Amino acid sequence: EAELREGLRTNISASAAANLLIAQAEGRISQYVRSDFKRLPTEYWDDQWTLLSGQLLRTTAQPA
């Protein structure tokens, strides 16, 4: 859907990209729980998302 709406496509298969993002989310939640809910899952997220999305997504040509 992102390809249609935003002109983005993953550089790897959709299932591999989904797996990577799920692993990222699960890891952040796990860190949050292990820290006794002190270390927020969103800590450093802006920087991490910039890196992930820059490597994971590429733009596609939009149909006219």
Protein backbone atom coordinates (compact mmCIF):
# COMPACT_ATOMS: atom_id res chain seq x y z
CA GLU A 1 0.00 0.00 0.00
CA ALA A 2 2.89 2.38 0.71
CA GLU A 3 4.01 1.88 -2.86
CA LEU A 4 0.67 3.10 -4.13
CA ARG A 5 0.06 5.91 -1.65
CA GLU A 6 3.54 7.23 -0.98
CA GLY A 7 5.61 5.94 -3.86
CA LEU A 8 7.79 3.80 -1.57
CA ARG A 9 9.00 0.25 -2.04
CA THR A 10 11.21 -1.91 0.17
CA ASN A 11 14.73 -2.78 -0.93
CA ILE A 12 14.15 -6.32 0.34
CA SER A 13 11.07 -8.52 0.14
CA ALA A 14 7.99 -7.29 1.98
CA SER A 15 8.09 -10.29 4.31
CA ALA A 16 11.76 -9.68 5.17
CA ALA A 17 11.05 -5.99 5.78
CA ALA A 18 8.07 -6.84 8.00
CA ASN A 19 10.20 -9.32 9.94
CA LEU A 20 12.89 -6.69 10.49
CA LEU A 21 10.40 -4.13 11.77
CA ILE A 22 8.71 -6.67 14.07
CA ALA A 23 12.10 -7.67 15.47
CA GLN A 24 12.89 -4.00 16.08
CA ALA A 25 9.58 -3.42 17.86
CA GLU A 26 9.88 -6.59 19.96
CA GLY A 27 13.42 -5.68 20.93
CA ARG A 28 12.39 -2.21 22.03
CA ILE A 29 9.48 -3.59 24.07
CA SER A 30 11.78 -6.17 25.64
CA GLN A 31 14.25 -3.44 26.65
CA TYR A 32 11.40 -1.45 28.14
CA VAL A 33 10.26 -4.40 30.26
CA ARG A 34 13.80 -5.34 31.34
CA SER A 35 14.42 -1.75 32.46
CA ASP A 36 11.40 -1.97 34.78
CA PHE A 37 9.53 0.38 32.44
CA LYS A 38 12.07 3.18 32.78
CA ARG A 39 13.71 3.12 29.35
CA LEU A 40 11.06 4.20 26.88
CA PRO A 41 10.69 2.16 23.69
CA THR A 42 10.76 5.41 21.73
CA GLU A 43 14.20 6.40 23.02
CA TYR A 44 16.38 7.29 20.00
CA TRP A 45 13.53 6.29 17.67
CA ASP A 46 13.81 9.33 15.38
CA ASP A 47 17.48 8.60 14.65
CA GLN A 48 16.87 4.87 14.30
CA TRP A 49 13.89 5.31 11.98
CA THR A 50 15.89 7.69 9.81
CA LEU A 51 18.57 5.02 9.43
CA LEU A 52 16.14 2.12 8.96
CA SER A 53 13.85 3.85 6.50
CA GLY A 54 16.76 5.23 4.51
CA GLN A 55 18.11 1.73 3.97
CA LEU A 56 14.83 -0.15 3.87
CA LEU A 57 12.71 2.02 1.57
CA ARG A 58 13.23 3.47 -1.87
CA THR A 59 11.02 5.69 -3.96
CA THR A 60 9.22 4.38 -7.01
CA ALA A 61 7.98 6.16 -10.07
CA GLN A 62 4.42 7.38 -9.63
CA PRO A 63 2.00 6.72 -12.48
CA ALA A 64 0.71 9.89 -14.09
